[in-house]
Amino acid sequence: MSADTEHAIDWVATRKVDGEIEYLISNAPTWGPDKRFAKVFDTKSEARKYLKGCGEKGTIRKHT
């Protein structure tokens, strides 16, 4: 069971390209450097499933 039952933590998908972090920003999927436009997920597992479904590779991180 999740420790975050209130979903107070938001999650984003990221990847590193040439040493720079890019964020998943849309359903296309499209990646960009600006975290203000990042696609936000309620749970880490939801974000993992989404990435896997798109066939993309990346890291799931807490959104700050």
N, C-alpha and C. Protein backbone atom coordinates (compact mmCIF):
# COMPACT_ATOMS: atom_id res chain seq x y z
N MET A 1 0.84 -1.18 0.00
CA MET A 1 0.00 0.00 0.00
C MET A 1 0.89 1.25 0.00
N SER A 2 0.44 2.26 -0.66
CA SER A 2 1.22 3.49 -0.80
C SER A 2 1.24 4.28 0.51
N ALA A 3 2.40 4.84 0.83
CA ALA A 3 2.52 5.70 2.01
C ALA A 3 1.89 7.06 1.75
N ASP A 4 1.71 7.39 0.48
CA ASP A 4 1.14 8.68 0.08
C ASP A 4 -0.33 8.51 -0.30
N THR A 5 -1.17 8.22 0.69
CA THR A 5 -2.59 7.95 0.40
C THR A 5 -3.36 9.19 -0.03
N GLU A 6 -2.86 10.37 0.29
CA GLU A 6 -3.53 11.62 -0.10
C GLU A 6 -3.04 12.14 -1.45
N HIS A 7 -2.10 11.44 -2.06
CA HIS A 7 -1.50 11.85 -3.35
C HIS A 7 -0.92 13.26 -3.26
N ALA A 8 -0.21 13.53 -2.18
CA ALA A 8 0.42 14.84 -1.98
C ALA A 8 1.68 14.99 -2.81
N ILE A 9 2.25 13.87 -3.27
CA ILE A 9 3.46 13.90 -4.08
C ILE A 9 3.08 13.77 -5.55
N ASP A 10 3.62 14.66 -6.36
CA ASP A 10 3.42 14.58 -7.81
C ASP A 10 4.67 13.99 -8.43
N TRP A 11 4.49 13.29 -9.54
CA TRP A 11 5.59 12.59 -10.21
C TRP A 11 5.67 13.04 -11.67
N VAL A 12 6.88 13.10 -12.21
CA VAL A 12 7.10 13.43 -13.62
C VAL A 12 8.07 12.42 -14.22
N ALA A 13 7.99 12.26 -15.52
CA ALA A 13 8.91 11.40 -16.26
C ALA A 13 10.02 12.26 -16.83
N THR A 14 11.26 11.82 -16.66
CA THR A 14 12.40 12.57 -17.17
C THR A 14 13.34 11.65 -17.92
N ARG A 15 14.22 12.26 -18.70
CA ARG A 15 15.31 11.53 -19.34
C ARG A 15 16.48 12.49 -19.47
N LYS A 16 17.67 11.94 -19.61
CA LYS A 16 18.87 12.76 -19.78
C LYS A 16 19.36 12.65 -21.21
N VAL A 17 19.57 13.79 -21.84
CA VAL A 17 20.12 13.85 -23.19
C VAL A 17 21.29 14.82 -23.17
N ASP A 18 22.46 14.33 -23.53
CA ASP A 18 23.68 15.14 -23.54
C ASP A 18 23.90 15.84 -22.20
N GLY A 19 23.62 15.15 -21.09
CA GLY A 19 23.85 15.70 -19.77
C GLY A 19 22.77 16.63 -19.26
N GLU A 20 21.75 16.91 -20.05
CA GLU A 20 20.66 17.81 -19.66
C GLU A 20 19.40 17.00 -19.40
N ILE A 21 18.63 17.37 -18.38
CA ILE A 21 17.38 16.68 -18.06
C ILE A 21 16.26 17.23 -18.92
N GLU A 22 15.50 16.33 -19.54
CA GLU A 22 14.30 16.70 -20.30
C GLU A 22 13.09 16.08 -19.62
N TYR A 23 11.95 16.75 -19.72
CA TYR A 23 10.71 16.31 -19.09
C TYR A 23 9.70 15.90 -20.15
N LEU A 24 8.92 14.87 -19.85
CA LEU A 24 7.83 14.47 -20.74
C LEU A 24 6.76 15.55 -20.64
N ILE A 25 6.38 16.16 -21.76
CA ILE A 25 5.46 17.29 -21.68
C ILE A 25 4.11 17.09 -22.35
N SER A 26 3.91 16.01 -23.08
CA SER A 26 2.59 15.85 -23.68
C SER A 26 2.32 14.40 -24.00
N ASN A 27 1.15 14.14 -24.56
CA ASN A 27 0.73 12.79 -24.89
C ASN A 27 1.36 12.26 -26.16
N ALA A 28 2.13 13.05 -26.87
CA ALA A 28 2.65 12.67 -28.19
C ALA A 28 3.57 11.45 -28.21
N PRO A 29 4.49 11.12 -27.38
CA PRO A 29 5.10 11.92 -26.30
C PRO A 29 6.16 12.86 -26.82
N THR A 30 6.23 14.02 -26.22
CA THR A 30 7.23 15.02 -26.55
C THR A 30 8.04 15.32 -25.30
N TRP A 31 9.33 15.58 -25.49
CA TRP A 31 10.21 15.87 -24.37
C TRP A 31 10.71 17.30 -24.50
N GLY A 32 10.89 17.99 -23.36
CA GLY A 32 11.41 19.35 -23.38
C GLY A 32 12.13 19.68 -22.09
N PRO A 33 12.96 20.72 -22.11
CA PRO A 33 13.77 21.06 -20.94
C PRO A 33 13.04 21.85 -19.85
N ASP A 34 11.86 22.37 -20.13
CA ASP A 34 11.15 23.25 -19.18
C ASP A 34 10.19 22.44 -18.31
N LYS A 35 10.49 22.32 -17.01
CA LYS A 35 9.66 21.49 -16.13
C LYS A 35 8.30 22.11 -15.84
N ARG A 36 8.08 23.38 -16.18
CA ARG A 36 6.77 24.00 -15.98
C ARG A 36 5.70 23.33 -16.84
N PHE A 37 6.10 22.73 -17.94
CA PHE A 37 5.15 22.11 -18.85
C PHE A 37 5.13 20.59 -18.74
N ALA A 38 5.76 20.05 -17.72
CA ALA A 38 5.86 18.59 -17.56
C ALA A 38 4.49 17.97 -17.31
N LYS A 39 4.29 16.80 -17.88
CA LYS A 39 3.08 16.02 -17.62
C LYS A 39 3.22 15.45 -16.21
N VAL A 40 2.24 15.73 -15.34
CA VAL A 40 2.32 15.34 -13.93
C VAL A 40 1.41 14.14 -13.68
N PHE A 41 1.93 13.19 -12.92
CA PHE A 41 1.20 11.97 -12.58
C PHE A 41 0.93 11.94 -11.08
N ASP A 42 -0.18 11.31 -10.68
CA ASP A 42 -0.53 11.20 -9.26
C ASP A 42 0.31 10.15 -8.53
N THR A 43 0.64 9.08 -9.23
CA THR A 43 1.42 8.01 -8.60
C THR A 43 2.60 7.63 -9.47
N LYS A 44 3.62 7.09 -8.82
CA LYS A 44 4.81 6.66 -9.54
C LYS A 44 4.48 5.50 -10.47
N SER A 45 3.62 4.59 -10.02
CA SER A 45 3.28 3.44 -10.87
C SER A 45 2.49 3.87 -12.10
N GLU A 46 1.65 4.89 -11.97
CA GLU A 46 0.91 5.41 -13.12
C GLU A 46 1.88 5.96 -14.16
N ALA A 47 2.90 6.68 -13.70
CA ALA A 47 3.90 7.25 -14.61
C ALA A 47 4.69 6.15 -15.31
N ARG A 48 5.07 5.10 -14.56
CA ARG A 48 5.81 3.97 -15.15
C ARG A 48 4.99 3.29 -16.23
N LYS A 49 3.71 3.04 -15.95
CA LYS A 49 2.83 2.39 -16.92
C LYS A 49 2.68 3.23 -18.17
N TYR A 50 2.57 4.54 -18.00
CA TYR A 50 2.43 5.44 -19.14
C TYR A 50 3.67 5.38 -20.03
N LEU A 51 4.86 5.47 -19.42
CA LEU A 51 6.10 5.40 -20.19
C LEU A 51 6.23 4.09 -20.93
N LYS A 52 5.92 3.00 -20.24
CA LYS A 52 6.02 1.68 -20.86
C LYS A 52 5.03 1.57 -22.03
N GLY A 53 3.83 2.10 -21.85
CA GLY A 53 2.82 2.06 -22.90
C GLY A 53 3.21 2.86 -24.13
N CYS A 54 3.97 3.93 -23.94
CA CYS A 54 4.45 4.76 -25.06
C CYS A 54 5.67 4.17 -25.73
N GLY A 55 6.30 3.21 -25.06
CA GLY A 55 7.54 2.66 -25.59
C GLY A 55 8.73 3.55 -25.36
N GLU A 56 8.61 4.48 -24.42
CA GLU A 56 9.69 5.40 -24.10
C GLU A 56 10.47 4.90 -22.90
N LYS A 57 11.70 5.37 -22.76
CA LYS A 57 12.52 5.07 -21.60
C LYS A 57 12.80 6.36 -20.86
N GLY A 58 12.80 6.28 -19.54
CA GLY A 58 13.06 7.47 -18.74
C GLY A 58 13.06 7.12 -17.26
N THR A 59 13.17 8.14 -16.45
CA THR A 59 13.20 7.99 -15.01
C THR A 59 11.99 8.72 -14.43
N ILE A 60 11.40 8.15 -13.39
CA ILE A 60 10.28 8.79 -12.72
C ILE A 60 10.83 9.51 -11.50
N ARG A 61 10.55 10.80 -11.38
CA ARG A 61 11.06 11.62 -10.28
C ARG A 61 9.94 12.38 -9.60
N LYS A 62 10.17 12.75 -8.34
CA LYS A 62 9.24 13.61 -7.63
C LYS A 62 9.28 14.99 -8.27
N HIS A 63 8.11 15.57 -8.43
CA HIS A 63 7.99 16.90 -9.06
C HIS A 63 8.06 17.96 -7.96
N THR A 64 8.97 18.92 -8.12
CA THR A 64 9.11 19.96 -7.10
C THR A 64 8.65 21.29 -7.61
